[in-house]
């Protein structure tokens, strides 16, 4: 039986991104970036943090072995440690705690939460690994582009915002996610499901940016 290589699936994920790029509506030429966009972004992100913590706990309960358990624990810690920094970012932009729990009417604001929750409950181990890899690579690159846009247009933002959103993608965590994918594939996980979940996650991040731009 031919061994399925996680690296080949990553190539396919990247090929699909080239063919169908994940849009960041905050970077659209017809979007005049304002502090309100950034406040909305932070509010949506705070809600995603709460969903992610529950999702990674679910993944850990379903796949409580290495290297999968290590990935979910580290992802949970990443989000847990980021939340106080996001709170600081919110306060610097004039958001109070109540505004961090707002409920926008657009369904796009909940797309990421839905995909992460669905993968956590129904995805294979390899699918959780690849969706995590997709999240890390797609989200962080989008954040870097947003910071570059903020600077290019001369939008005055607090240092807390720049500090939060200009972090690089954690390479070690990306490598661990692919170890989890490979381990899952070696255990018999379906590669087609892996690619499906990666693309669903990519698309949900596109919705995340679209929701933030809907001021």
C-alpha atoms as a PDB file:
ATOM      1  CA  UNK A   1       0.000   0.000   0.000  1.00  0.00           C
ATOM      2  CA  UNK A   2       1.375   3.413  -1.020  1.00  0.00           C
ATOM      3  CA  UNK A   3       1.977   5.748   1.906  1.00  0.00           C
ATOM      4  CA  UNK A   4       0.173   9.069   1.603  1.00  0.00           C
ATOM      5  CA  UNK A   5       2.511  11.949   2.338  1.00  0.00           C
ATOM      6  CA  UNK A   6       1.211  14.943   4.317  1.00  0.00           C
ATOM      7  CA  UNK A   7       3.592  17.201   2.374  1.00  0.00           C
ATOM      8  CA  UNK A   8       1.813  16.314  -0.865  1.00  0.00           C
ATOM      9  CA  UNK A   9      -1.513  17.288   0.673  1.00  0.00           C
ATOM     10  CA  UNK A  10      -0.014  20.616   1.740  1.00  0.00           C
ATOM     11  CA  UNK A  11       1.010  21.187  -1.877  1.00  0.00           C
ATOM     12  CA  UNK A  12      -2.577  20.572  -2.922  1.00  0.00           C
ATOM     13  CA  UNK A  13      -3.852  22.981  -0.262  1.00  0.00           C
ATOM     14  CA  UNK A  14      -1.477  25.643  -1.601  1.00  0.00           C
ATOM     15  CA  UNK A  15      -2.466  24.911  -5.205  1.00  0.00           C
ATOM     16  CA  UNK A  16      -6.112  25.428  -4.297  1.00  0.00           C
ATOM     17  CA  UNK A  17      -5.224  28.703  -2.627  1.00  0.00           C
ATOM     18  CA  UNK A  18      -3.502  29.843  -5.805  1.00  0.00           C
ATOM     19  CA  UNK A  19      -6.492  28.857  -7.909  1.00  0.00           C
ATOM     20  CA  UNK A  20      -9.013  30.316  -5.450  1.00  0.00           C
ATOM     21  CA  UNK A  21      -7.292  32.857  -3.176  1.00  0.00           C
ATOM     22  CA  UNK A  22      -8.744  33.477   0.265  1.00  0.00           C
ATOM     23  CA  UNK A  23     -10.042  37.058   0.102  1.00  0.00           C
ATOM     24  CA  UNK A  24      -9.384  39.577   2.856  1.00  0.00           C
ATOM     25  CA  UNK A  25     -12.139  42.165   2.566  1.00  0.00           C
ATOM     26  CA  UNK A  26     -10.237  44.566   4.830  1.00  0.00           C
ATOM     27  CA  UNK A  27      -7.645  44.835   2.060  1.00  0.00           C
ATOM     28  CA  UNK A  28     -10.123  45.506  -0.746  1.00  0.00           C
ATOM     29  CA  UNK A  29      -9.444  48.687  -2.691  1.00  0.00           C
ATOM     30  CA  UNK A  30     -13.026  49.895  -2.086  1.00  0.00           C
ATOM     31  CA  UNK A  31     -12.691  49.494   1.692  1.00  0.00           C
ATOM     32  CA  UNK A  32     -11.617  52.716   3.386  1.00  0.00           C
ATOM     33  CA  UNK A  33     -10.025  51.240   6.479  1.00  0.00           C
ATOM     34  CA  UNK A  34     -11.158  52.894   9.728  1.00  0.00           C
ATOM     35  CA  UNK A  35     -10.783  52.257  13.477  1.00  0.00           C
ATOM     36  CA  UNK A  36     -14.352  50.893  13.442  1.00  0.00           C
ATOM     37  CA  UNK A  37     -13.192  48.058  11.182  1.00  0.00           C
ATOM     38  CA  UNK A  38     -10.460  47.203  13.667  1.00  0.00           C
ATOM     39  CA  UNK A  39     -12.853  47.299  16.621  1.00  0.00           C
ATOM     40  CA  UNK A  40     -15.222  44.973  14.819  1.00  0.00           C
ATOM     41  CA  UNK A  41     -12.325  42.672  13.947  1.00  0.00           C
ATOM     42  CA  UNK A  42     -11.340  42.446  17.609  1.00  0.00           C
ATOM     43  CA  UNK A  43     -14.888  41.705  18.712  1.00  0.00           C
ATOM     44  CA  UNK A  44     -15.248  38.887  16.201  1.00  0.00           C
ATOM     45  CA  UNK A  45     -11.843  37.513  17.110  1.00  0.00           C
ATOM     46  CA  UNK A  46     -12.743  37.424  20.806  1.00  0.00           C
ATOM     47  CA  UNK A  47     -15.757  35.261  20.016  1.00  0.00           C
ATOM     48  CA  UNK A  48     -13.562  32.957  17.931  1.00  0.00           C
ATOM     49  CA  UNK A  49     -11.182  32.522  20.877  1.00  0.00           C
ATOM     50  CA  UNK A  50     -13.995  31.183  23.051  1.00  0.00           C
ATOM     51  CA  UNK A  51     -15.008  28.719  20.347  1.00  0.00           C
ATOM     52  CA  UNK A  52     -11.431  27.597  19.714  1.00  0.00           C
ATOM     53  CA  UNK A  53     -10.783  26.769  23.361  1.00  0.00           C
ATOM     54  CA  UNK A  54     -13.819  24.481  23.417  1.00  0.00           C
ATOM     55  CA  UNK A  55     -12.903  22.964  20.041  1.00  0.00           C
ATOM     56  CA  UNK A  56      -9.330  22.104  21.033  1.00  0.00           C
ATOM     57  CA  UNK A  57     -10.608  20.523  24.227  1.00  0.00           C
ATOM     58  CA  UNK A  58     -12.944  18.360  22.144  1.00  0.00           C
ATOM     59  CA  UNK A  59     -10.128  17.347  19.811  1.00  0.00           C
ATOM     60  CA  UNK A  60      -7.979  16.415  22.795  1.00  0.00           C
ATOM     61  CA  UNK A  61     -10.726  14.201  24.212  1.00  0.00           C
ATOM     62  CA  UNK A  62     -11.132  12.419  20.862  1.00  0.00           C
ATOM     63  CA  UNK A  63      -7.434  11.930  20.084  1.00  0.00           C
ATOM     64  CA  UNK A  64      -5.605  11.865  23.469  1.00  0.00           C
ATOM     65  CA  UNK A  65      -2.317  10.513  22.133  1.00  0.00           C
ATOM     66  CA  UNK A  66       0.894  11.997  20.765  1.00  0.00           C
ATOM     67  CA  UNK A  67       1.499  13.912  18.596  1.00  0.00           C
ATOM     68  CA  UNK A  68      -2.160  14.941  18.318  1.00  0.00           C
ATOM     69  CA  UNK A  69      -2.669  15.724  22.007  1.00  0.00           C
ATOM     70  CA  UNK A  70       0.461  17.869  22.014  1.00  0.00           C
ATOM     71  CA  UNK A  71      -0.909  19.926  19.119  1.00  0.00           C
ATOM     72  CA  UNK A  72      -4.288  20.570  20.718  1.00  0.00           C
ATOM     73  CA  UNK A  73      -2.695  21.516  24.034  1.00  0.00           C
ATOM     74  CA  UNK A  74      -0.328  23.952  22.358  1.00  0.00           C
ATOM     75  CA  UNK A  75      -3.094  25.479  20.239  1.00  0.00           C
ATOM     76  CA  UNK A  76      -5.239  25.915  23.323  1.00  0.00           C
ATOM     77  CA  UNK A  77      -2.339  27.570  25.143  1.00  0.00           C
ATOM     78  CA  UNK A  78      -1.701  29.851  22.154  1.00  0.00           C
ATOM     79  CA  UNK A  79      -5.297  31.094  22.210  1.00  0.00           C
ATOM     80  CA  UNK A  80      -5.443  31.265  26.017  1.00  0.00           C
ATOM     81  CA  UNK A  81      -2.293  33.383  26.181  1.00  0.00           C
ATOM     82  CA  UNK A  82      -3.473  35.589  23.301  1.00  0.00           C
ATOM     83  CA  UNK A  83      -6.783  36.520  24.930  1.00  0.00           C
ATOM     84  CA  UNK A  84      -5.373  38.982  27.525  1.00  0.00           C
ATOM     85  CA  UNK A  85      -3.351  40.612  24.753  1.00  0.00           C
ATOM     86  CA  UNK A  86      -6.530  40.955  22.691  1.00  0.00           C
ATOM     87  CA  UNK A  87      -8.236  42.553  25.699  1.00  0.00           C
ATOM     88  CA  UNK A  88      -5.410  45.100  25.894  1.00  0.00           C
ATOM     89  CA  UNK A  89      -5.797  45.751  22.196  1.00  0.00           C
ATOM     90  CA  UNK A  90      -9.535  46.293  22.655  1.00  0.00           C
ATOM     91  CA  UNK A  91      -9.090  48.745  25.522  1.00  0.00           C
ATOM     92  CA  UNK A  92      -6.514  50.686  23.512  1.00  0.00           C
ATOM     93  CA  UNK A  93      -9.090  51.070  20.734  1.00  0.00           C
ATOM     94  CA  UNK A  94     -11.824  52.144  23.140  1.00  0.00           C
ATOM     95  CA  UNK A  95     -13.790  48.895  23.463  1.00  0.00           C
ATOM     96  CA  UNK A  96     -15.271  47.962  26.810  1.00  0.00           C
ATOM     97  CA  UNK A  97     -15.737  44.294  27.895  1.00  0.00           C
ATOM     98  CA  UNK A  98     -19.433  44.261  26.933  1.00  0.00           C
ATOM     99  CA  UNK A  99     -18.549  45.158  23.368  1.00  0.00           C
ATOM    100  CA  UNK A 100     -16.254  42.122  23.185  1.00  0.00           C
ATOM    101  CA  UNK A 101     -19.349  39.895  23.309  1.00  0.00           C
ATOM    102  CA  UNK A 102     -21.387  41.553  20.587  1.00  0.00           C
ATOM    103  CA  UNK A 103     -23.516  39.441  18.243  1.00  0.00           C
ATOM    104  CA  UNK A 104     -23.468  40.786  14.685  1.00  0.00           C
ATOM    105  CA  UNK A 105     -26.355  39.626  12.466  1.00  0.00           C
ATOM    106  CA  UNK A 106     -24.184  38.553   9.518  1.00  0.00           C
ATOM    107  CA  UNK A 107     -23.717  34.781   9.266  1.00  0.00           C
ATOM    108  CA  UNK A 108     -20.153  35.352   8.046  1.00  0.00           C
ATOM    109  CA  UNK A 109     -19.219  36.383  11.587  1.00  0.00           C
ATOM    110  CA  UNK A 110     -19.865  32.812  12.759  1.00  0.00           C
ATOM    111  CA  UNK A 111     -18.438  30.830   9.842  1.00  0.00           C
ATOM    112  CA  UNK A 112     -15.041  30.190  11.422  1.00  0.00           C
ATOM    113  CA  UNK A 113     -16.652  29.109  14.690  1.00  0.00           C
ATOM    114  CA  UNK A 114     -18.887  26.683  12.806  1.00  0.00           C
ATOM    115  CA  UNK A 115     -16.098  25.076  10.796  1.00  0.00           C
ATOM    116  CA  UNK A 116     -13.749  24.699  13.778  1.00  0.00           C
ATOM    117  CA  UNK A 117     -16.557  23.193  15.861  1.00  0.00           C
ATOM    118  CA  UNK A 118     -17.600  20.807  13.092  1.00  0.00           C
ATOM    119  CA  UNK A 119     -14.045  19.618  12.496  1.00  0.00           C
ATOM    120  CA  UNK A 120     -13.547  19.158  16.239  1.00  0.00           C
ATOM    121  CA  UNK A 121     -16.602  16.920  16.539  1.00  0.00           C
ATOM    122  CA  UNK A 122     -16.583  15.054  13.229  1.00  0.00           C
ATOM    123  CA  UNK A 123     -13.163  15.437  11.603  1.00  0.00           C
ATOM    124  CA  UNK A 124     -10.525  12.738  11.582  1.00  0.00           C
ATOM    125  CA  UNK A 125      -7.218  13.285  13.349  1.00  0.00           C
ATOM    126  CA  UNK A 126      -5.552  14.154  10.040  1.00  0.00           C
ATOM    127  CA  UNK A 127      -8.376  16.578   9.254  1.00  0.00           C
ATOM    128  CA  UNK A 128      -7.943  18.378  12.588  1.00  0.00           C
ATOM    129  CA  UNK A 129      -4.224  18.636  11.921  1.00  0.00           C
ATOM    130  CA  UNK A 130      -4.603  20.024   8.422  1.00  0.00           C
ATOM    131  CA  UNK A 131      -7.373  22.441   9.387  1.00  0.00           C
ATOM    132  CA  UNK A 132      -5.076  23.719  12.158  1.00  0.00           C
ATOM    133  CA  UNK A 133      -2.253  24.097   9.649  1.00  0.00           C
ATOM    134  CA  UNK A 134      -4.599  25.952   7.290  1.00  0.00           C
ATOM    135  CA  UNK A 135      -5.720  28.210  10.109  1.00  0.00           C
ATOM    136  CA  UNK A 136      -2.186  29.074  11.201  1.00  0.00           C
ATOM    137  CA  UNK A 137      -0.872  29.786   7.709  1.00  0.00           C
ATOM    138  CA  UNK A 138      -3.937  31.576   6.329  1.00  0.00           C
ATOM    139  CA  UNK A 139      -4.799  33.674   9.395  1.00  0.00           C
ATOM    140  CA  UNK A 140      -1.296  34.893  10.198  1.00  0.00           C
ATOM    141  CA  UNK A 141      -0.525  35.829   6.607  1.00  0.00           C
ATOM    142  CA  UNK A 142      -3.790  37.777   6.457  1.00  0.00           C
ATOM    143  CA  UNK A 143      -2.873  39.598   9.663  1.00  0.00           C
ATOM    144  CA  UNK A 144       0.543  40.536   8.267  1.00  0.00           C
ATOM    145  CA  UNK A 145      -1.106  41.937   5.141  1.00  0.00           C
ATOM    146  CA  UNK A 146      -3.558  43.905   7.277  1.00  0.00           C
ATOM    147  CA  UNK A 147      -0.778  45.482   9.331  1.00  0.00           C
ATOM    148  CA  UNK A 148       1.026  46.391   6.108  1.00  0.00           C
ATOM    149  CA  UNK A 149      -2.177  48.013   4.807  1.00  0.00           C
ATOM    150  CA  UNK A 150      -2.695  49.933   8.058  1.00  0.00           C
ATOM    151  CA  UNK A 151       0.810  51.349   7.764  1.00  0.00           C
ATOM    152  CA  UNK A 152       0.499  52.056   4.044  1.00  0.00           C
ATOM    153  CA  UNK A 153      -2.667  54.144   4.450  1.00  0.00           C
ATOM    154  CA  UNK A 154      -1.278  55.924   7.518  1.00  0.00           C
ATOM    155  CA  UNK A 155      -4.099  54.839   9.818  1.00  0.00           C
ATOM    156  CA  UNK A 156      -3.164  55.739  13.380  1.00  0.00           C
ATOM    157  CA  UNK A 157      -3.529  52.679  15.589  1.00  0.00           C
ATOM    158  CA  UNK A 158      -2.304  51.912  19.101  1.00  0.00           C
ATOM    159  CA  UNK A 159       0.878  49.934  19.585  1.00  0.00           C
ATOM    160  CA  UNK A 160      -1.186  47.170  21.194  1.00  0.00           C
ATOM    161  CA  UNK A 161      -2.899  46.519  17.867  1.00  0.00           C
ATOM    162  CA  UNK A 162       0.346  46.300  15.949  1.00  0.00           C
ATOM    163  CA  UNK A 163       1.907  44.082  18.601  1.00  0.00           C
ATOM    164  CA  UNK A 164      -1.019  41.673  18.466  1.00  0.00           C
ATOM    165  CA  UNK A 165      -1.524  41.422  14.728  1.00  0.00           C
ATOM    166  CA  UNK A 166       2.009  41.504  13.352  1.00  0.00           C
ATOM    167  CA  UNK A 167       3.148  38.226  14.930  1.00  0.00           C
ATOM    168  CA  UNK A 168       4.609  35.680  12.515  1.00  0.00           C
ATOM    169  CA  UNK A 169       3.051  32.282  11.943  1.00  0.00           C
ATOM    170  CA  UNK A 170       4.462  29.863  14.558  1.00  0.00           C
ATOM    171  CA  UNK A 171       6.617  27.575  12.406  1.00  0.00           C
ATOM    172  CA  UNK A 172       7.108  24.941  15.095  1.00  0.00           C
ATOM    173  CA  UNK A 173       3.356  24.636  15.587  1.00  0.00           C
ATOM    174  CA  UNK A 174       2.845  24.344  11.821  1.00  0.00           C
ATOM    175  CA  UNK A 175       5.367  21.493  11.723  1.00  0.00           C
ATOM    176  CA  UNK A 176       3.597  19.788  14.613  1.00  0.00           C
ATOM    177  CA  UNK A 177       0.257  20.103  12.821  1.00  0.00           C
ATOM    178  CA  UNK A 178       1.720  18.289   9.814  1.00  0.00           C
ATOM    179  CA  UNK A 179       3.096  15.563  12.085  1.00  0.00           C
ATOM    180  CA  UNK A 180      -0.465  15.086  13.314  1.00  0.00           C
ATOM    181  CA  UNK A 181      -1.699  14.913   9.728  1.00  0.00           C
ATOM    182  CA  UNK A 182       0.907  12.308   8.818  1.00  0.00           C
ATOM    183  CA  UNK A 183       0.165  10.225  11.901  1.00  0.00           C
ATOM    184  CA  UNK A 184      -3.535  10.317  11.071  1.00  0.00           C
ATOM    185  CA  UNK A 185      -2.929   9.330   7.462  1.00  0.00           C
ATOM    186  CA  UNK A 186      -0.735   6.444   8.626  1.00  0.00           C
ATOM    187  CA  UNK A 187      -3.647   5.336  10.797  1.00  0.00           C
ATOM    188  CA  UNK A 188      -5.917   5.254   7.739  1.00  0.00           C
ATOM    189  CA  UNK A 189      -7.556   8.701   7.646  1.00  0.00           C
ATOM    190  CA  UNK A 190      -9.155   9.786   4.362  1.00  0.00           C
ATOM    191  CA  UNK A 191      -6.984  12.317   2.456  1.00  0.00           C
ATOM    192  CA  UNK A 192     -10.026  13.708   0.640  1.00  0.00           C
ATOM    193  CA  UNK A 193     -11.577  14.645   3.978  1.00  0.00           C
ATOM    194  CA  UNK A 194      -8.297  16.284   4.978  1.00  0.00           C
ATOM    195  CA  UNK A 195      -8.353  18.516   1.893  1.00  0.00           C
ATOM    196  CA  UNK A 196     -12.038  19.303   2.356  1.00  0.00           C
ATOM    197  CA  UNK A 197     -11.518  20.471   5.933  1.00  0.00           C
ATOM    198  CA  UNK A 198      -8.516  22.579   4.976  1.00  0.00           C
ATOM    199  CA  UNK A 199     -10.500  24.390   2.304  1.00  0.00           C
ATOM    200  CA  UNK A 200     -13.517  24.852   4.578  1.00  0.00           C
ATOM    201  CA  UNK A 201     -11.199  26.460   7.108  1.00  0.00           C
ATOM    202  CA  UNK A 202      -9.652  28.724   4.453  1.00  0.00           C
ATOM    203  CA  UNK A 203     -13.097  29.818   3.287  1.00  0.00           C
ATOM    204  CA  UNK A 204     -14.208  30.497   6.856  1.00  0.00           C
ATOM    205  CA  UNK A 205     -11.257  32.832   7.346  1.00  0.00           C
ATOM    206  CA  UNK A 206     -12.340  34.666   4.218  1.00  0.00           C
ATOM    207  CA  UNK A 207     -15.745  35.059   5.909  1.00  0.00           C
ATOM    208  CA  UNK A 208     -13.993  36.208   9.084  1.00  0.00           C
ATOM    209  CA  UNK A 209     -12.376  39.079   7.208  1.00  0.00           C
ATOM    210  CA  UNK A 210     -15.619  39.830   5.350  1.00  0.00           C
ATOM    211  CA  UNK A 211     -17.512  40.087   8.628  1.00  0.00           C
ATOM    212  CA  UNK A 212     -14.893  42.443  10.044  1.00  0.00           C
ATOM    213  CA  UNK A 213     -15.218  44.670   6.972  1.00  0.00           C
ATOM    214  CA  UNK A 214     -19.028  44.903   7.276  1.00  0.00           C
ATOM    215  CA  UNK A 215     -19.131  48.165   9.253  1.00  0.00           C
END
